[in-house]
Amino acid sequence: MAKKLQKRIAIFIKNPYHPILKTHSLTGKLREKWAFWISWDLRIVFELINKSSVRFLAVGKHDQVYK
């Protein structure tokens, strides 16, 4: 899983909206946050700092990061 995580982060750095990542905005208490897929059930939640910076907030299973 670590290799897949590294590969997806490398893709994210080059293109945060690459289709393989399924990057999407969140709603509810996480509105103004975004997430992308590492695998079927593993996500990274992040927030946009500015046009060229993001902050990763959570990495984990779907049920964990969307609490």
N, C-alpha and C. Protein backbone atom coordinates (compact mmCIF):
# COMPACT_ATOMS: atom_id res chain seq x y z
N MET A 1 0.83 -1.19 0.00
CA MET A 1 0.00 0.00 0.00
C MET A 1 0.87 1.26 0.00
N ALA A 2 2.03 1.22 0.64
CA ALA A 2 2.91 2.39 0.70
C ALA A 2 3.36 2.83 -0.69
N LYS A 3 3.65 1.85 -1.55
CA LYS A 3 4.06 2.19 -2.92
C LYS A 3 2.93 2.88 -3.67
N LYS A 4 1.72 2.36 -3.50
CA LYS A 4 0.58 2.96 -4.18
C LYS A 4 0.34 4.37 -3.67
N LEU A 5 0.48 4.56 -2.37
CA LEU A 5 0.34 5.89 -1.77
C LEU A 5 1.36 6.85 -2.37
N GLN A 6 2.60 6.43 -2.45
CA GLN A 6 3.65 7.27 -3.03
C GLN A 6 3.35 7.61 -4.49
N LYS A 7 2.89 6.64 -5.24
CA LYS A 7 2.58 6.88 -6.66
C LYS A 7 1.44 7.88 -6.81
N ARG A 8 0.39 7.72 -5.98
CA ARG A 8 -0.75 8.63 -6.09
C ARG A 8 -0.37 10.05 -5.66
N ILE A 9 0.47 10.19 -4.66
CA ILE A 9 0.91 11.52 -4.25
C ILE A 9 1.76 12.15 -5.36
N ALA A 10 2.59 11.36 -6.02
CA ALA A 10 3.38 11.88 -7.14
C ALA A 10 2.47 12.36 -8.27
N ILE A 11 1.42 11.61 -8.56
CA ILE A 11 0.44 12.04 -9.57
C ILE A 11 -0.23 13.32 -9.11
N PHE A 12 -0.62 13.37 -7.85
CA PHE A 12 -1.28 14.56 -7.29
C PHE A 12 -0.40 15.79 -7.44
N ILE A 13 0.89 15.66 -7.19
CA ILE A 13 1.81 16.80 -7.30
C ILE A 13 1.84 17.32 -8.74
N LYS A 14 1.83 16.42 -9.70
CA LYS A 14 1.86 16.83 -11.11
C LYS A 14 0.51 17.38 -11.58
N ASN A 15 -0.57 16.75 -11.12
CA ASN A 15 -1.91 17.15 -11.55
C ASN A 15 -2.93 16.74 -10.49
N PRO A 16 -3.29 17.64 -9.58
CA PRO A 16 -4.22 17.29 -8.50
C PRO A 16 -5.59 16.82 -8.97
N TYR A 17 -5.92 17.07 -10.21
CA TYR A 17 -7.23 16.69 -10.73
C TYR A 17 -7.14 15.56 -11.76
N HIS A 18 -6.05 14.82 -11.74
CA HIS A 18 -5.90 13.68 -12.65
C HIS A 18 -7.08 12.73 -12.42
N PRO A 19 -7.68 12.22 -13.47
CA PRO A 19 -8.87 11.36 -13.33
C PRO A 19 -8.66 10.13 -12.43
N ILE A 20 -7.48 9.58 -12.41
CA ILE A 20 -7.24 8.38 -11.58
C ILE A 20 -7.41 8.68 -10.09
N LEU A 21 -7.24 9.94 -9.70
CA LEU A 21 -7.34 10.32 -8.29
C LEU A 21 -8.78 10.53 -7.83
N LYS A 22 -9.67 10.77 -8.76
CA LYS A 22 -11.07 11.05 -8.44
C LYS A 22 -11.19 12.17 -7.39
N THR A 23 -10.44 13.22 -7.59
CA THR A 23 -10.44 14.36 -6.68
C THR A 23 -11.84 14.98 -6.65
N HIS A 24 -12.31 15.27 -5.44
CA HIS A 24 -13.66 15.82 -5.30
C HIS A 24 -13.76 16.73 -4.09
N SER A 25 -14.64 17.72 -4.20
CA SER A 25 -14.88 18.61 -3.07
C SER A 25 -15.80 17.89 -2.08
N LEU A 26 -15.69 18.27 -0.83
CA LEU A 26 -16.49 17.64 0.22
C LEU A 26 -17.62 18.56 0.65
N THR A 27 -18.55 18.01 1.39
CA THR A 27 -19.71 18.78 1.83
C THR A 27 -19.87 18.65 3.34
N GLY A 28 -20.90 19.29 3.86
CA GLY A 28 -21.18 19.22 5.28
C GLY A 28 -20.09 19.88 6.11
N LYS A 29 -19.73 19.25 7.22
CA LYS A 29 -18.72 19.84 8.09
C LYS A 29 -17.34 19.91 7.45
N LEU A 30 -17.15 19.18 6.35
CA LEU A 30 -15.87 19.22 5.64
C LEU A 30 -15.92 20.08 4.38
N ARG A 31 -16.97 20.89 4.25
CA ARG A 31 -17.03 21.74 3.05
C ARG A 31 -15.80 22.65 3.04
N GLU A 32 -15.41 23.02 1.87
CA GLU A 32 -14.18 23.76 1.62
C GLU A 32 -12.94 22.88 1.75
N LYS A 33 -13.14 21.58 1.93
CA LYS A 33 -12.05 20.60 1.92
C LYS A 33 -12.23 19.73 0.68
N TRP A 34 -11.18 19.05 0.33
CA TRP A 34 -11.17 18.18 -0.84
C TRP A 34 -10.62 16.82 -0.46
N ALA A 35 -10.82 15.83 -1.32
CA ALA A 35 -10.27 14.50 -1.09
C ALA A 35 -9.91 13.87 -2.43
N PHE A 36 -8.98 12.93 -2.37
CA PHE A 36 -8.70 12.11 -3.54
C PHE A 36 -8.46 10.67 -3.11
N TRP A 37 -8.62 9.76 -4.06
CA TRP A 37 -8.55 8.33 -3.81
C TRP A 37 -7.12 7.83 -3.91
N ILE A 38 -6.74 6.99 -2.95
CA ILE A 38 -5.52 6.19 -3.06
C ILE A 38 -5.92 4.81 -3.57
N SER A 39 -6.99 4.28 -2.99
CA SER A 39 -7.56 3.00 -3.41
C SER A 39 -9.06 3.06 -3.15
N TRP A 40 -9.74 1.94 -3.37
CA TRP A 40 -11.19 1.91 -3.22
C TRP A 40 -11.65 2.51 -1.90
N ASP A 41 -10.97 2.20 -0.80
CA ASP A 41 -11.43 2.66 0.51
C ASP A 41 -10.43 3.58 1.22
N LEU A 42 -9.35 3.95 0.58
CA LEU A 42 -8.34 4.80 1.21
C LEU A 42 -8.35 6.18 0.56
N ARG A 43 -8.40 7.22 1.40
CA ARG A 43 -8.52 8.61 0.92
C ARG A 43 -7.49 9.52 1.58
N ILE A 44 -7.22 10.62 0.92
CA ILE A 44 -6.49 11.73 1.52
C ILE A 44 -7.40 12.94 1.46
N VAL A 45 -7.63 13.56 2.61
CA VAL A 45 -8.41 14.79 2.69
C VAL A 45 -7.41 15.94 2.78
N PHE A 46 -7.69 17.00 2.03
CA PHE A 46 -6.77 18.14 2.02
C PHE A 46 -7.54 19.44 1.89
N GLU A 47 -6.83 20.52 2.17
CA GLU A 47 -7.41 21.85 1.95
C GLU A 47 -6.47 22.65 1.07
N LEU A 48 -7.05 23.55 0.30
CA LEU A 48 -6.27 24.43 -0.56
C LEU A 48 -5.78 25.61 0.26
N ILE A 49 -4.48 25.87 0.20
CA ILE A 49 -3.89 27.01 0.90
C ILE A 49 -3.84 28.21 -0.04
N ASN A 50 -3.35 27.98 -1.24
CA ASN A 50 -3.34 28.98 -2.30
C ASN A 50 -3.24 28.23 -3.63
N LYS A 51 -2.98 28.93 -4.71
CA LYS A 51 -2.98 28.29 -6.03
C LYS A 51 -1.94 27.19 -6.17
N SER A 52 -0.87 27.24 -5.38
CA SER A 52 0.19 26.25 -5.54
C SER A 52 0.48 25.44 -4.27
N SER A 53 -0.36 25.57 -3.26
CA SER A 53 -0.10 24.85 -2.00
C SER A 53 -1.38 24.21 -1.45
N VAL A 54 -1.19 23.01 -0.89
CA VAL A 54 -2.28 22.33 -0.19
C VAL A 54 -1.74 21.82 1.14
N ARG A 55 -2.66 21.50 2.03
CA ARG A 55 -2.30 20.90 3.32
C ARG A 55 -3.07 19.60 3.43
N PHE A 56 -2.35 18.48 3.58
CA PHE A 56 -3.01 17.20 3.81
C PHE A 56 -3.49 17.18 5.25
N LEU A 57 -4.76 16.84 5.44
CA LEU A 57 -5.38 16.85 6.76
C LEU A 57 -5.59 15.45 7.34
N ALA A 58 -5.86 14.49 6.49
CA ALA A 58 -6.13 13.14 6.97
C ALA A 58 -5.84 12.13 5.87
N VAL A 59 -5.32 10.99 6.29
CA VAL A 59 -5.11 9.85 5.39
C VAL A 59 -5.71 8.65 6.09
N GLY A 60 -6.60 7.95 5.41
CA GLY A 60 -7.18 6.78 6.04
C GLY A 60 -8.35 6.24 5.27
N LYS A 61 -9.01 5.28 5.88
CA LYS A 61 -10.18 4.66 5.27
C LYS A 61 -11.32 5.67 5.19
N HIS A 62 -12.18 5.45 4.22
CA HIS A 62 -13.30 6.33 3.95
C HIS A 62 -14.04 6.71 5.24
N ASP A 63 -14.40 5.73 6.04
CA ASP A 63 -15.17 5.98 7.26
C ASP A 63 -14.39 6.79 8.29
N GLN A 64 -13.07 6.69 8.27
CA GLN A 64 -12.24 7.41 9.23
C GLN A 64 -12.08 8.88 8.87
N VAL A 65 -11.79 9.16 7.63
CA VAL A 65 -11.45 10.53 7.24
C VAL A 65 -12.65 11.43 7.03
N TYR A 66 -13.84 10.84 6.84
CA TYR A 66 -15.02 11.65 6.61
C TYR A 66 -15.87 11.81 7.85
N LYS A 67 -15.32 11.54 9.02
CA LYS A 67 -16.06 11.71 10.29
C LYS A 67 -16.28 13.16 10.58
